Amino acid sequence: MKDTKTGTLIISSAAFRHEGTIPSVYTCDGKGINPPLEIDKIPEETQTLAIIMEDPDAPQGTFDHWLLWNISPIYHILENSIPGISGTNGAGKTGYHGPCPPSGSHRYYFSVFALDTKLDLEAGADKKELQEAMKSHILAKGILMGHYQRINKTGKVSLANQEVKLR
């Protein structure tokens, strides 16, 4: 009988710490490329990895920024890379869509899943399809969360209806 307990992956990035600020190069204010990710404690029986990056603070509900699956079980995902199959993000495109909050600070969750199989899912699938395909195949998962808040052209951060000058 298969053990149904889900293990824990340790997710980190050389670009920012857990609960830290995501550098602007990885956002709509910069190059809009994915940050590097490090994955530790990948179970031996892992066949593939999957990533779901989302913003639960988006005004219209959770916004999907990055869906990726069938990634070889690697410990390093390089910056500006596509190591697997891309799904459709909240902008209606495939690939990574960098943080771009309309106002205030938003949280961005990089959830990584170790799976016991390669997913039979076509490129462009949405988050619901990815989650359904992964459902009974998750061996372990981990989360890295970063914050991002846009800085306007005057060098001020928008805080709801206030602006604060940055040094």
C-alpha atoms as a PDB file:
ATOM      1  CA  MET A   1       0.000   0.000   0.000  1.00  0.00           C
ATOM      2  CA  LYS A   2       1.308   3.444  -0.951  1.00  0.00           C
ATOM      3  CA  ASP A   3       2.146   5.811   1.917  1.00  0.00           C
ATOM      4  CA  THR A   4      -0.136   8.841   1.542  1.00  0.00           C
ATOM      5  CA  LYS A   5       1.946  11.142   3.757  1.00  0.00           C
ATOM      6  CA  THR A   6       3.293  14.159   1.838  1.00  0.00           C
ATOM      7  CA  GLY A   7       6.900  15.072   2.538  1.00  0.00           C
ATOM      8  CA  THR A   8       8.417  18.532   2.698  1.00  0.00           C
ATOM      9  CA  LEU A   9      10.686  20.111   0.111  1.00  0.00           C
ATOM     10  CA  ILE A  10      12.957  22.984   1.127  1.00  0.00           C
ATOM     11  CA  ILE A  11      12.635  25.793  -1.444  1.00  0.00           C
ATOM     12  CA  SER A  12      14.996  28.754  -1.501  1.00  0.00           C
ATOM     13  CA  SER A  13      16.419  31.302  -3.920  1.00  0.00           C
ATOM     14  CA  ALA A  14      19.758  33.065  -4.218  1.00  0.00           C
ATOM     15  CA  ALA A  15      17.749  36.140  -5.300  1.00  0.00           C
ATOM     16  CA  PHE A  16      15.624  36.642  -2.164  1.00  0.00           C
ATOM     17  CA  ARG A  17      14.951  35.036   1.198  1.00  0.00           C
ATOM     18  CA  HIS A  18      11.673  33.477   2.306  1.00  0.00           C
ATOM     19  CA  GLU A  19       9.224  36.306   3.110  1.00  0.00           C
ATOM     20  CA  GLY A  20      11.724  38.804   1.679  1.00  0.00           C
ATOM     21  CA  THR A  21      11.413  41.229  -1.215  1.00  0.00           C
ATOM     22  CA  ILE A  22      11.564  39.876  -4.760  1.00  0.00           C
ATOM     23  CA  PRO A  23      14.129  41.924  -6.724  1.00  0.00           C
ATOM     24  CA  SER A  24      12.559  44.052  -9.456  1.00  0.00           C
ATOM     25  CA  VAL A  25      14.502  42.267 -12.228  1.00  0.00           C
ATOM     26  CA  TYR A  26      12.019  39.366 -11.784  1.00  0.00           C
ATOM     27  CA  THR A  27       8.964  41.641 -12.072  1.00  0.00           C
ATOM     28  CA  CYS A  28       7.157  43.783 -14.634  1.00  0.00           C
ATOM     29  CA  ASP A  29       9.374  46.670 -13.510  1.00  0.00           C
ATOM     30  CA  GLY A  30      12.482  44.774 -14.626  1.00  0.00           C
ATOM     31  CA  LYS A  31      13.198  41.992 -17.107  1.00  0.00           C
ATOM     32  CA  GLY A  32      10.209  39.888 -16.012  1.00  0.00           C
ATOM     33  CA  ILE A  33      12.287  36.701 -15.870  1.00  0.00           C
ATOM     34  CA  ASN A  34      11.892  33.880 -13.379  1.00  0.00           C
ATOM     35  CA  PRO A  35      14.189  33.917 -10.350  1.00  0.00           C
ATOM     36  CA  PRO A  36      16.553  31.032  -9.651  1.00  0.00           C
ATOM     37  CA  LEU A  37      15.152  28.395  -7.303  1.00  0.00           C
ATOM     38  CA  GLU A  38      16.939  25.792  -5.205  1.00  0.00           C
ATOM     39  CA  ILE A  39      15.079  22.635  -4.205  1.00  0.00           C
ATOM     40  CA  ASP A  40      16.313  20.437  -1.367  1.00  0.00           C
ATOM     41  CA  LYS A  41      15.021  17.185   0.156  1.00  0.00           C
ATOM     42  CA  ILE A  42      13.688  15.809  -3.158  1.00  0.00           C
ATOM     43  CA  PRO A  43      12.467  12.257  -2.436  1.00  0.00           C
ATOM     44  CA  GLU A  44      14.443   9.489  -4.162  1.00  0.00           C
ATOM     45  CA  GLU A  45      11.379   8.175  -6.012  1.00  0.00           C
ATOM     46  CA  THR A  46      10.579  11.564  -7.582  1.00  0.00           C
ATOM     47  CA  GLN A  47      10.021  11.340 -11.341  1.00  0.00           C
ATOM     48  CA  THR A  48       9.216  15.014 -12.044  1.00  0.00           C
ATOM     49  CA  LEU A  49       8.668  18.378 -10.356  1.00  0.00           C
ATOM     50  CA  ALA A  50       5.913  20.945 -10.858  1.00  0.00           C
ATOM     51  CA  ILE A  51       5.710  24.646  -9.931  1.00  0.00           C
ATOM     52  CA  ILE A  52       2.701  26.843  -9.270  1.00  0.00           C
ATOM     53  CA  MET A  53       3.450  30.516  -8.574  1.00  0.00           C
ATOM     54  CA  GLU A  54       0.475  32.586  -7.488  1.00  0.00           C
ATOM     55  CA  ASP A  55      -0.543  35.904  -5.952  1.00  0.00           C
ATOM     56  CA  PRO A  56      -3.457  35.526  -3.507  1.00  0.00           C
ATOM     57  CA  ASP A  57      -3.591  39.322  -2.974  1.00  0.00           C
ATOM     58  CA  ALA A  58      -4.690  40.164  -6.529  1.00  0.00           C
ATOM     59  CA  PRO A  59      -7.822  42.368  -6.664  1.00  0.00           C
ATOM     60  CA  GLN A  60      -9.907  39.827  -8.631  1.00  0.00           C
ATOM     61  CA  GLY A  61      -8.775  36.803  -6.585  1.00  0.00           C
ATOM     62  CA  THR A  62      -5.700  34.596  -6.834  1.00  0.00           C
ATOM     63  CA  PHE A  63      -3.647  35.340  -9.945  1.00  0.00           C
ATOM     64  CA  ASP A  64      -1.567  32.522 -11.458  1.00  0.00           C
ATOM     65  CA  HIS A  65       1.896  33.769 -12.468  1.00  0.00           C
ATOM     66  CA  TRP A  66       3.667  30.549 -13.450  1.00  0.00           C
ATOM     67  CA  LEU A  67       2.579  26.967 -14.098  1.00  0.00           C
ATOM     68  CA  LEU A  68       5.291  24.487 -14.994  1.00  0.00           C
ATOM     69  CA  TRP A  69       5.414  20.679 -14.900  1.00  0.00           C
ATOM     70  CA  ASN A  70       7.372  17.630 -16.033  1.00  0.00           C
ATOM     71  CA  ILE A  71      10.577  19.227 -14.756  1.00  0.00           C
ATOM     72  CA  SER A  72      13.372  16.682 -14.264  1.00  0.00           C
ATOM     73  CA  PRO A  73      14.049  16.251 -10.528  1.00  0.00           C
ATOM     74  CA  ILE A  74      16.810  18.856 -10.382  1.00  0.00           C
ATOM     75  CA  TYR A  75      18.077  20.823  -7.408  1.00  0.00           C
ATOM     76  CA  HIS A  76      18.561  24.129  -9.229  1.00  0.00           C
ATOM     77  CA  ILE A  77      16.142  25.897 -11.542  1.00  0.00           C
ATOM     78  CA  LEU A  78      18.104  28.558 -13.319  1.00  0.00           C
ATOM     79  CA  GLU A  79      17.089  32.179 -13.675  1.00  0.00           C
ATOM     80  CA  ASN A  80      15.306  32.921 -16.961  1.00  0.00           C
ATOM     81  CA  SER A  81      14.732  29.254 -17.812  1.00  0.00           C
ATOM     82  CA  ILE A  82      11.933  26.954 -18.939  1.00  0.00           C
ATOM     83  CA  PRO A  83      12.911  23.534 -17.571  1.00  0.00           C
ATOM     84  CA  GLY A  84       9.502  21.919 -18.150  1.00  0.00           C
ATOM     85  CA  ILE A  85       6.124  22.303 -19.850  1.00  0.00           C
ATOM     86  CA  SER A  86       4.373  25.656 -19.346  1.00  0.00           C
ATOM     87  CA  GLY A  87       0.718  26.168 -18.536  1.00  0.00           C
ATOM     88  CA  THR A  88      -1.502  29.181 -19.090  1.00  0.00           C
ATOM     89  CA  ASN A  89      -0.989  31.926 -16.501  1.00  0.00           C
ATOM     90  CA  GLY A  90      -3.512  34.521 -15.342  1.00  0.00           C
ATOM     91  CA  ALA A  91      -2.524  36.828 -18.208  1.00  0.00           C
ATOM     92  CA  GLY A  92      -3.701  34.181 -20.686  1.00  0.00           C
ATOM     93  CA  LYS A  93      -0.168  33.365 -21.850  1.00  0.00           C
ATOM     94  CA  THR A  94       2.207  30.508 -21.207  1.00  0.00           C
ATOM     95  CA  GLY A  95       5.409  30.924 -19.248  1.00  0.00           C
ATOM     96  CA  TYR A  96       6.464  33.089 -16.341  1.00  0.00           C
ATOM     97  CA  HIS A  97       4.536  36.309 -15.685  1.00  0.00           C
ATOM     98  CA  GLY A  98       6.446  38.468 -13.198  1.00  0.00           C
ATOM     99  CA  PRO A  99       4.891  40.194 -10.195  1.00  0.00           C
ATOM    100  CA  CYS A 100       3.134  43.438 -11.108  1.00  0.00           C
ATOM    101  CA  PRO A 101       0.789  44.461  -8.277  1.00  0.00           C
ATOM    102  CA  PRO A 102      -1.555  47.353  -9.136  1.00  0.00           C
ATOM    103  CA  SER A 103      -1.144  48.797  -5.615  1.00  0.00           C
ATOM    104  CA  GLY A 104       0.346  47.904  -2.270  1.00  0.00           C
ATOM    105  CA  SER A 105       2.539  44.969  -1.361  1.00  0.00           C
ATOM    106  CA  HIS A 106       1.514  41.526  -2.625  1.00  0.00           C
ATOM    107  CA  ARG A 107       2.670  38.049  -1.600  1.00  0.00           C
ATOM    108  CA  TYR A 108       3.936  35.642  -4.257  1.00  0.00           C
ATOM    109  CA  TYR A 109       4.021  31.935  -3.468  1.00  0.00           C
ATOM    110  CA  PHE A 110       6.346  29.614  -5.386  1.00  0.00           C
ATOM    111  CA  SER A 111       4.938  26.150  -4.605  1.00  0.00           C
ATOM    112  CA  VAL A 112       7.086  23.255  -5.799  1.00  0.00           C
ATOM    113  CA  PHE A 113       5.777  19.689  -5.933  1.00  0.00           C
ATOM    114  CA  ALA A 114       7.743  16.424  -6.194  1.00  0.00           C
ATOM    115  CA  LEU A 115       5.675  13.942  -8.209  1.00  0.00           C
ATOM    116  CA  ASP A 116       5.894  10.176  -8.622  1.00  0.00           C
ATOM    117  CA  THR A 117       5.077  10.348 -12.341  1.00  0.00           C
ATOM    118  CA  LYS A 118       5.396  12.336 -15.534  1.00  0.00           C
ATOM    119  CA  LEU A 119       2.116  14.185 -16.105  1.00  0.00           C
ATOM    120  CA  ASP A 120       0.081  13.489 -19.235  1.00  0.00           C
ATOM    121  CA  LEU A 121      -0.924  17.119 -19.629  1.00  0.00           C
ATOM    122  CA  GLU A 122      -0.620  19.260 -22.729  1.00  0.00           C
ATOM    123  CA  ALA A 123       1.188  22.609 -22.791  1.00  0.00           C
ATOM    124  CA  GLY A 124      -1.152  25.492 -22.037  1.00  0.00           C
ATOM    125  CA  ALA A 125      -3.235  23.656 -19.425  1.00  0.00           C
ATOM    126  CA  ASP A 126      -4.608  25.831 -16.614  1.00  0.00           C
ATOM    127  CA  LYS A 127      -4.066  25.528 -12.851  1.00  0.00           C
ATOM    128  CA  LYS A 128      -7.187  23.434 -12.241  1.00  0.00           C
ATOM    129  CA  GLU A 129      -6.076  20.903 -14.864  1.00  0.00           C
ATOM    130  CA  LEU A 130      -2.565  20.810 -13.394  1.00  0.00           C
ATOM    131  CA  GLN A 131      -3.855  20.351  -9.844  1.00  0.00           C
ATOM    132  CA  GLU A 132      -6.195  17.567 -10.965  1.00  0.00           C
ATOM    133  CA  ALA A 133      -3.378  15.776 -12.816  1.00  0.00           C
ATOM    134  CA  MET A 134      -1.073  16.037  -9.750  1.00  0.00           C
ATOM    135  CA  LYS A 135      -3.702  15.093  -7.155  1.00  0.00           C
ATOM    136  CA  SER A 136      -2.693  11.504  -6.314  1.00  0.00           C
ATOM    137  CA  HIS A 137       0.969  11.846  -7.320  1.00  0.00           C
ATOM    138  CA  ILE A 138       2.432  14.358  -4.820  1.00  0.00           C
ATOM    139  CA  LEU A 139       5.334  12.902  -2.838  1.00  0.00           C
ATOM    140  CA  ALA A 140       6.466  16.189  -1.273  1.00  0.00           C
ATOM    141  CA  LYS A 141       5.908  19.918  -1.572  1.00  0.00           C
ATOM    142  CA  GLY A 142       7.503  23.121  -0.422  1.00  0.00           C
ATOM    143  CA  ILE A 143       6.837  26.860  -0.621  1.00  0.00           C
ATOM    144  CA  LEU A 144       8.964  29.960  -1.014  1.00  0.00           C
ATOM    145  CA  MET A 145       7.100  33.231  -0.492  1.00  0.00           C
ATOM    146  CA  GLY A 146       8.315  36.659  -1.532  1.00  0.00           C
ATOM    147  CA  HIS A 147       6.788  40.146  -1.409  1.00  0.00           C
ATOM    148  CA  TYR A 148       6.769  42.801  -4.092  1.00  0.00           C
ATOM    149  CA  GLN A 149       5.510  46.377  -4.206  1.00  0.00           C
ATOM    150  CA  ARG A 150       5.918  48.618  -7.239  1.00  0.00           C
ATOM    151  CA  ILE A 151       7.810  51.888  -7.044  1.00  0.00           C
ATOM    152  CA  ASN A 152       6.439  54.678  -9.210  1.00  0.00           C
ATOM    153  CA  LYS A 153       8.546  56.928 -11.430  1.00  0.00           C
ATOM    154  CA  THR A 154       8.899  59.555  -8.696  1.00  0.00           C
ATOM    155  CA  GLY A 155      10.677  57.033  -6.445  1.00  0.00           C
ATOM    156  CA  LYS A 156       7.671  56.673  -4.160  1.00  0.00           C
ATOM    157  CA  VAL A 157       5.958  53.501  -2.990  1.00  0.00           C
ATOM    158  CA  SER A 158       2.190  53.506  -3.218  1.00  0.00           C
ATOM    159  CA  LEU A 159       0.499  52.538   0.060  1.00  0.00           C
ATOM    160  CA  ALA A 160      -3.201  52.412  -0.708  1.00  0.00           C
ATOM    161  CA  ASN A 161      -3.950  56.139  -1.160  1.00  0.00           C
ATOM    162  CA  GLN A 162      -0.674  57.396   0.301  1.00  0.00           C
ATOM    163  CA  GLU A 163       2.790  57.749  -1.159  1.00  0.00           C
ATOM    164  CA  VAL A 164       6.020  57.367   0.774  1.00  0.00           C
ATOM    165  CA  LYS A 165       9.299  58.744  -0.584  1.00  0.00           C
ATOM    166  CA  LEU A 166      12.138  56.200  -0.665  1.00  0.00           C
ATOM    167  CA  ARG A 167      15.703  57.274  -0.059  1.00  0.00           C
END
